[in-house]
């Protein structure tokens, strides 16, 4: 290393170039399409996009191109499904460790609760 070069200069010249992540250059979305909507329609689009966990642009893009848009489960539904899953896991663990089959009534109750939540999802 010469007095004019710094340790950083020495590292950068010998280190391989890092690849940048992200979308490939050929597929960048640079074209713009403008659509006029009413204030109510814009609010509906925002609401629908929020429910699906998407930006308004991504929501409109998917809908206009015929791609599926599935609403995310809300927080309450996720909590309910998690609790049902925990209950089923506990019942299965008890059945496996004791060698005794879990009472059918408990399994029926857990499955009925699961069906109710799934039916509420649409």
N, C-alpha and C. Protein backbone atom coordinates (compact mmCIF):
# COMPACT_ATOMS: atom_id res chain seq x y z
N UNK A 1 0.86 -1.17 0.00
CA UNK A 1 0.00 0.00 0.00
C UNK A 1 0.90 1.22 0.00
N UNK A 2 0.64 2.14 -0.89
CA UNK A 2 1.44 3.36 -0.98
C UNK A 2 0.84 4.41 -0.06
N UNK A 3 1.58 5.45 0.28
CA UNK A 3 1.06 6.47 1.18
C UNK A 3 -0.17 7.18 0.60
N UNK A 4 -0.33 7.21 -0.73
CA UNK A 4 -1.46 7.89 -1.34
C UNK A 4 -2.76 7.08 -1.24
N UNK A 5 -2.65 5.76 -1.09
CA UNK A 5 -3.85 4.94 -1.05
C UNK A 5 -4.27 4.71 0.39
N UNK A 6 -5.54 4.60 0.59
CA UNK A 6 -6.08 4.33 1.92
C UNK A 6 -6.52 2.88 1.97
N UNK A 7 -6.72 2.34 3.16
CA UNK A 7 -7.20 0.97 3.24
C UNK A 7 -8.51 0.76 2.48
N UNK A 8 -9.37 1.78 2.44
CA UNK A 8 -10.63 1.65 1.71
C UNK A 8 -10.37 1.48 0.22
N UNK A 9 -9.41 2.24 -0.31
CA UNK A 9 -9.09 2.13 -1.74
C UNK A 9 -8.58 0.73 -2.06
N UNK A 10 -7.77 0.20 -1.18
CA UNK A 10 -7.21 -1.13 -1.41
C UNK A 10 -8.31 -2.18 -1.39
N UNK A 11 -9.27 -2.04 -0.49
CA UNK A 11 -10.35 -3.02 -0.40
C UNK A 11 -11.26 -2.94 -1.61
N UNK A 12 -11.63 -1.74 -2.02
CA UNK A 12 -12.61 -1.61 -3.09
C UNK A 12 -12.06 -2.08 -4.42
N UNK A 13 -10.75 -1.95 -4.63
CA UNK A 13 -10.20 -2.38 -5.92
C UNK A 13 -10.06 -3.89 -6.00
N UNK A 14 -9.92 -4.57 -4.86
CA UNK A 14 -9.75 -6.01 -4.92
C UNK A 14 -11.06 -6.76 -4.68
N UNK A 15 -12.07 -6.11 -4.11
CA UNK A 15 -13.34 -6.78 -3.82
C UNK A 15 -14.18 -6.85 -5.09
N UNK A 16 -14.89 -7.98 -5.27
CA UNK A 16 -15.75 -8.10 -6.44
C UNK A 16 -16.94 -7.14 -6.32
N UNK A 17 -17.46 -6.71 -7.44
CA UNK A 17 -18.60 -5.80 -7.43
C UNK A 17 -19.83 -6.51 -6.87
N UNK A 18 -20.57 -5.82 -6.04
CA UNK A 18 -21.78 -6.41 -5.43
C UNK A 18 -22.94 -6.27 -6.40
N UNK A 19 -23.74 -7.33 -6.47
CA UNK A 19 -24.93 -7.28 -7.30
C UNK A 19 -26.03 -6.57 -6.54
N UNK A 20 -26.74 -5.74 -7.22
CA UNK A 20 -27.86 -5.05 -6.61
C UNK A 20 -29.11 -5.91 -6.78
N UNK A 21 -29.96 -5.91 -5.77
CA UNK A 21 -31.20 -6.67 -5.85
C UNK A 21 -32.27 -5.87 -6.57
N UNK A 22 -33.47 -6.36 -6.48
CA UNK A 22 -34.59 -5.63 -7.05
C UNK A 22 -35.05 -6.20 -8.36
N UNK A 23 -35.94 -5.48 -8.97
CA UNK A 23 -36.55 -5.89 -10.23
C UNK A 23 -35.53 -5.77 -11.36
N UNK A 24 -35.50 -6.74 -12.27
CA UNK A 24 -34.58 -6.63 -13.41
C UNK A 24 -34.90 -5.38 -14.23
N UNK A 25 -33.87 -4.79 -14.84
CA UNK A 25 -34.04 -3.51 -15.54
C UNK A 25 -35.10 -3.56 -16.62
N UNK A 26 -35.21 -4.63 -17.36
CA UNK A 26 -36.16 -4.71 -18.46
C UNK A 26 -37.61 -4.72 -18.01
N UNK A 27 -37.86 -5.04 -16.74
CA UNK A 27 -39.25 -5.16 -16.30
C UNK A 27 -39.68 -4.04 -15.37
N UNK A 28 -38.94 -2.96 -15.34
CA UNK A 28 -39.32 -1.83 -14.48
C UNK A 28 -40.60 -1.21 -14.99
N UNK A 29 -41.37 -0.74 -14.06
CA UNK A 29 -42.66 -0.15 -14.43
C UNK A 29 -42.50 1.36 -14.56
N UNK A 30 -42.25 1.79 -15.75
CA UNK A 30 -42.06 3.21 -15.99
C UNK A 30 -43.24 3.85 -16.71
N UNK A 31 -44.03 3.04 -17.40
CA UNK A 31 -45.18 3.58 -18.12
C UNK A 31 -46.29 3.90 -17.14
N UNK A 32 -47.00 4.98 -17.42
CA UNK A 32 -48.03 5.45 -16.51
C UNK A 32 -49.38 5.46 -17.24
N UNK A 33 -50.42 5.00 -16.54
CA UNK A 33 -51.77 5.04 -17.07
C UNK A 33 -52.59 5.88 -16.09
N UNK A 34 -53.26 6.87 -16.60
CA UNK A 34 -54.06 7.72 -15.73
C UNK A 34 -55.54 7.41 -15.93
N UNK A 35 -56.26 7.30 -14.82
CA UNK A 35 -57.68 7.01 -14.85
C UNK A 35 -58.36 7.98 -13.89
N UNK A 36 -59.42 8.58 -14.32
CA UNK A 36 -60.16 9.49 -13.45
C UNK A 36 -61.30 8.72 -12.78
N UNK A 37 -61.41 8.91 -11.48
CA UNK A 37 -62.48 8.29 -10.69
C UNK A 37 -63.07 9.34 -9.76
N UNK A 38 -64.25 9.06 -9.27
CA UNK A 38 -64.86 9.97 -8.31
C UNK A 38 -64.20 9.79 -6.95
N UNK A 39 -64.47 10.70 -6.05
CA UNK A 39 -63.91 10.60 -4.70
C UNK A 39 -64.38 9.32 -4.01
N UNK A 40 -65.64 8.96 -4.22
CA UNK A 40 -66.18 7.73 -3.62
C UNK A 40 -65.51 6.50 -4.21
N UNK A 41 -65.28 6.51 -5.53
CA UNK A 41 -64.61 5.37 -6.16
C UNK A 41 -63.17 5.25 -5.67
N UNK A 42 -62.51 6.38 -5.50
CA UNK A 42 -61.14 6.36 -5.00
C UNK A 42 -61.09 5.80 -3.59
N UNK A 43 -62.05 6.19 -2.76
CA UNK A 43 -62.12 5.66 -1.39
C UNK A 43 -62.37 4.16 -1.41
N UNK A 44 -63.24 3.70 -2.32
CA UNK A 44 -63.50 2.27 -2.45
C UNK A 44 -62.24 1.51 -2.88
N UNK A 45 -61.50 2.09 -3.84
CA UNK A 45 -60.26 1.45 -4.29
C UNK A 45 -59.25 1.36 -3.15
N UNK A 46 -59.11 2.43 -2.39
CA UNK A 46 -58.18 2.42 -1.26
C UNK A 46 -58.58 1.36 -0.23
N UNK A 47 -59.87 1.30 0.06
CA UNK A 47 -60.37 0.34 1.03
C UNK A 47 -60.13 -1.09 0.57
N UNK A 48 -60.45 -1.36 -0.70
CA UNK A 48 -60.26 -2.71 -1.24
C UNK A 48 -58.78 -3.09 -1.27
N UNK A 49 -57.93 -2.13 -1.64
CA UNK A 49 -56.49 -2.40 -1.68
C UNK A 49 -55.98 -2.68 -0.27
N UNK A 50 -56.44 -1.91 0.72
CA UNK A 50 -56.01 -2.12 2.10
C UNK A 50 -56.43 -3.50 2.60
N UNK A 51 -57.66 -3.91 2.28
CA UNK A 51 -58.14 -5.23 2.69
C UNK A 51 -57.30 -6.35 2.10
N UNK A 52 -56.82 -6.13 0.87
CA UNK A 52 -56.01 -7.14 0.20
C UNK A 52 -54.54 -7.04 0.59
N UNK A 53 -54.17 -6.01 1.32
CA UNK A 53 -52.77 -5.83 1.71
C UNK A 53 -51.90 -5.37 0.56
N UNK A 54 -52.48 -4.62 -0.37
CA UNK A 54 -51.77 -4.16 -1.56
C UNK A 54 -51.82 -2.64 -1.63
N UNK A 55 -50.92 -2.08 -2.44
CA UNK A 55 -51.03 -0.66 -2.75
C UNK A 55 -52.18 -0.50 -3.74
N UNK A 56 -52.67 0.72 -3.88
CA UNK A 56 -53.74 0.96 -4.84
C UNK A 56 -53.26 0.63 -6.25
N UNK A 57 -52.03 0.98 -6.58
CA UNK A 57 -51.48 0.69 -7.91
C UNK A 57 -51.47 -0.81 -8.18
N UNK A 58 -50.96 -1.58 -7.22
CA UNK A 58 -50.88 -3.02 -7.40
C UNK A 58 -52.28 -3.63 -7.48
N UNK A 59 -53.20 -3.13 -6.68
CA UNK A 59 -54.57 -3.62 -6.69
C UNK A 59 -55.22 -3.38 -8.06
N UNK A 60 -55.12 -2.15 -8.56
CA UNK A 60 -55.70 -1.81 -9.86
C UNK A 60 -55.03 -2.60 -10.97
N UNK A 61 -53.70 -2.74 -10.90
CA UNK A 61 -52.96 -3.50 -11.91
C UNK A 61 -53.46 -4.94 -11.97
N UNK A 62 -53.57 -5.58 -10.81
CA UNK A 62 -54.02 -6.98 -10.79
C UNK A 62 -55.46 -7.12 -11.29
N UNK A 63 -56.33 -6.23 -10.84
CA UNK A 63 -57.73 -6.33 -11.26
C UNK A 63 -57.87 -6.11 -12.76
N UNK A 64 -57.14 -5.14 -13.29
CA UNK A 64 -57.28 -4.82 -14.71
C UNK A 64 -56.66 -5.89 -15.61
N UNK A 65 -55.67 -6.62 -15.09
CA UNK A 65 -55.02 -7.66 -15.88
C UNK A 65 -55.60 -9.04 -15.62
N UNK A 66 -56.68 -9.10 -14.85
CA UNK A 66 -57.36 -10.37 -14.61
C UNK A 66 -56.63 -11.29 -13.64
N UNK A 67 -55.71 -10.75 -12.86
CA UNK A 67 -54.99 -11.56 -11.88
C UNK A 67 -55.80 -11.61 -10.59
N UNK A 68 -55.65 -12.67 -9.83
CA UNK A 68 -56.45 -12.80 -8.60
C UNK A 68 -56.05 -11.78 -7.53
N UNK A 69 -57.05 -11.30 -6.83
CA UNK A 69 -56.86 -10.41 -5.69
C UNK A 69 -57.61 -11.04 -4.54
N UNK A 70 -56.88 -11.48 -3.53
CA UNK A 70 -57.49 -12.15 -2.39
C UNK A 70 -57.29 -11.28 -1.17
N UNK A 71 -58.38 -11.02 -0.47
CA UNK A 71 -58.29 -10.20 0.73
C UNK A 71 -57.55 -10.95 1.83
N UNK A 72 -56.71 -10.23 2.54
CA UNK A 72 -56.03 -10.81 3.70
C UNK A 72 -57.05 -11.01 4.80
N UNK A 73 -56.77 -11.99 5.63
CA UNK A 73 -57.62 -12.16 6.81
C UNK A 73 -57.31 -11.02 7.78
N UNK A 74 -58.33 -10.47 8.39
CA UNK A 74 -58.10 -9.39 9.34
C UNK A 74 -57.46 -9.94 10.62
N UNK A 75 -57.04 -9.04 11.48
CA UNK A 75 -56.32 -9.44 12.69
C UNK A 75 -57.15 -10.37 13.56
N UNK A 76 -58.42 -10.05 13.74
CA UNK A 76 -59.29 -10.88 14.59
C UNK A 76 -59.40 -12.31 14.05
N UNK A 77 -59.52 -12.44 12.75
CA UNK A 77 -59.63 -13.77 12.14
C UNK A 77 -58.34 -14.55 12.32
N UNK A 78 -57.20 -13.87 12.14
CA UNK A 78 -55.92 -14.56 12.32
C UNK A 78 -55.76 -15.04 13.76
N UNK A 79 -56.18 -14.22 14.72
CA UNK A 79 -56.09 -14.60 16.13
C UNK A 79 -56.98 -15.82 16.40
N UNK A 80 -58.20 -15.79 15.86
CA UNK A 80 -59.12 -16.93 16.05
C UNK A 80 -58.56 -18.21 15.45
N UNK A 81 -58.03 -18.11 14.24
CA UNK A 81 -57.46 -19.30 13.59
C UNK A 81 -56.25 -19.82 14.37
N UNK A 82 -55.44 -18.92 14.89
CA UNK A 82 -54.28 -19.34 15.67
C UNK A 82 -54.73 -20.08 16.93
N UNK A 83 -55.76 -19.54 17.61
CA UNK A 83 -56.25 -20.19 18.83
C UNK A 83 -56.82 -21.57 18.54
N UNK A 84 -57.55 -21.69 17.44
CA UNK A 84 -58.10 -23.00 17.07
C UNK A 84 -56.96 -23.97 16.77
N UNK A 85 -55.95 -23.49 16.05
CA UNK A 85 -54.80 -24.34 15.74
C UNK A 85 -54.08 -24.81 16.99
N UNK A 86 -53.95 -23.91 17.96
CA UNK A 86 -53.30 -24.28 19.23
C UNK A 86 -54.12 -25.35 19.94
N UNK A 87 -55.45 -25.17 19.96
CA UNK A 87 -56.32 -26.17 20.60
C UNK A 87 -56.20 -27.53 19.93
N UNK A 88 -56.21 -27.54 18.60
CA UNK A 88 -56.08 -28.81 17.88
C UNK A 88 -54.71 -29.45 18.15
N UNK A 89 -53.68 -28.64 18.21
CA UNK A 89 -52.34 -29.15 18.49
C UNK A 89 -52.28 -29.77 19.89
N UNK A 90 -52.89 -29.11 20.86
CA UNK A 90 -52.90 -29.65 22.23
C UNK A 90 -53.66 -30.96 22.29
N UNK A 91 -54.78 -31.05 21.58
CA UNK A 91 -55.55 -32.30 21.56
C UNK A 91 -54.75 -33.42 20.91
N UNK A 92 -54.08 -33.11 19.82
CA UNK A 92 -53.27 -34.12 19.14
C UNK A 92 -52.10 -34.57 20.01
N UNK A 93 -51.45 -33.62 20.67
CA UNK A 93 -50.33 -33.96 21.55
C UNK A 93 -50.80 -34.86 22.70
N UNK A 94 -51.94 -34.52 23.29
CA UNK A 94 -52.48 -35.33 24.39
C UNK A 94 -52.80 -36.73 23.91
N UNK A 95 -53.36 -36.84 22.73
CA UNK A 95 -53.70 -38.16 22.19
C UNK A 95 -52.44 -38.96 21.92
N UNK A 96 -51.40 -38.33 21.40
CA UNK A 96 -50.17 -39.04 21.07
C UNK A 96 -49.39 -39.47 22.31
N UNK A 97 -49.36 -38.64 23.34
CA UNK A 97 -48.57 -38.98 24.52
C UNK A 97 -49.27 -39.99 25.42
N UNK A 98 -50.59 -39.89 25.51
CA UNK A 98 -51.30 -40.79 26.43
C UNK A 98 -51.67 -42.11 25.77
N UNK A 99 -51.69 -42.13 24.47
CA UNK A 99 -52.09 -43.35 23.79
C UNK A 99 -53.59 -43.54 23.78
N UNK A 100 -54.30 -42.65 24.45
CA UNK A 100 -55.76 -42.72 24.49
C UNK A 100 -56.29 -41.73 23.47
N UNK A 101 -57.27 -42.14 22.73
CA UNK A 101 -57.81 -41.23 21.73
C UNK A 101 -58.50 -40.05 22.41
N UNK A 102 -58.37 -38.90 21.81
CA UNK A 102 -58.98 -37.69 22.34
C UNK A 102 -60.49 -37.83 22.23
N UNK A 103 -61.19 -37.39 23.24
CA UNK A 103 -62.65 -37.47 23.17
C UNK A 103 -63.18 -36.82 21.90
N UNK A 104 -64.07 -37.50 21.25
CA UNK A 104 -64.62 -37.04 19.98
C UNK A 104 -65.32 -35.69 20.14
N UNK A 105 -65.91 -35.46 21.30
CA UNK A 105 -66.64 -34.21 21.53
C UNK A 105 -65.70 -33.00 21.42
N UNK A 106 -64.49 -33.09 21.99
CA UNK A 106 -63.54 -31.98 21.92
C UNK A 106 -63.10 -31.72 20.48
N UNK A 107 -62.85 -32.79 19.75
CA UNK A 107 -62.44 -32.63 18.36
C UNK A 107 -63.59 -32.03 17.53
N UNK A 108 -64.80 -32.52 17.77
CA UNK A 108 -65.95 -31.98 17.04
C UNK A 108 -66.14 -30.50 17.31
N UNK A 109 -65.96 -30.08 18.59
CA UNK A 109 -66.10 -28.67 18.94
C UNK A 109 -65.04 -27.81 18.23
N UNK A 110 -63.80 -28.30 18.23
CA UNK A 110 -62.71 -27.55 17.59
C UNK A 110 -62.93 -27.46 16.09
N UNK A 111 -63.36 -28.54 15.48
CA UNK A 111 -63.61 -28.53 14.03
C UNK A 111 -64.80 -27.63 13.68
N UNK A 112 -65.83 -27.64 14.52
CA UNK A 112 -66.99 -26.77 14.27
C UNK A 112 -66.58 -25.31 14.35
N UNK A 113 -65.74 -24.98 15.33
CA UNK A 113 -65.26 -23.61 15.46
C UNK A 113 -64.44 -23.20 14.26
N UNK A 114 -63.60 -24.10 13.80
CA UNK A 114 -62.78 -23.84 12.63
C UNK A 114 -63.65 -23.63 11.40
N UNK A 115 -64.66 -24.45 11.22
CA UNK A 115 -65.56 -24.30 10.08
C UNK A 115 -66.30 -22.95 10.12
N UNK A 116 -66.70 -22.53 11.32
CA UNK A 116 -67.40 -21.24 11.46
C UNK A 116 -66.50 -20.07 11.04
N UNK A 117 -65.25 -20.12 11.49
CA UNK A 117 -64.32 -19.05 11.14
C UNK A 117 -64.05 -19.05 9.65
N UNK A 118 -63.83 -20.22 9.08
CA UNK A 118 -63.56 -20.31 7.64
C UNK A 118 -64.76 -19.87 6.82
N UNK A 119 -65.97 -20.19 7.27
CA UNK A 119 -67.17 -19.75 6.57
C UNK A 119 -67.30 -18.22 6.62
N UNK A 120 -66.84 -17.62 7.70
CA UNK A 120 -66.89 -16.17 7.83
C UNK A 120 -65.91 -15.47 6.91
N UNK A 121 -64.91 -16.18 6.42
CA UNK A 121 -63.93 -15.58 5.51
C UNK A 121 -64.49 -15.38 4.12
N UNK A 122 -65.58 -16.07 3.82
CA UNK A 122 -66.20 -15.87 2.52
C UNK A 122 -66.06 -17.07 1.70
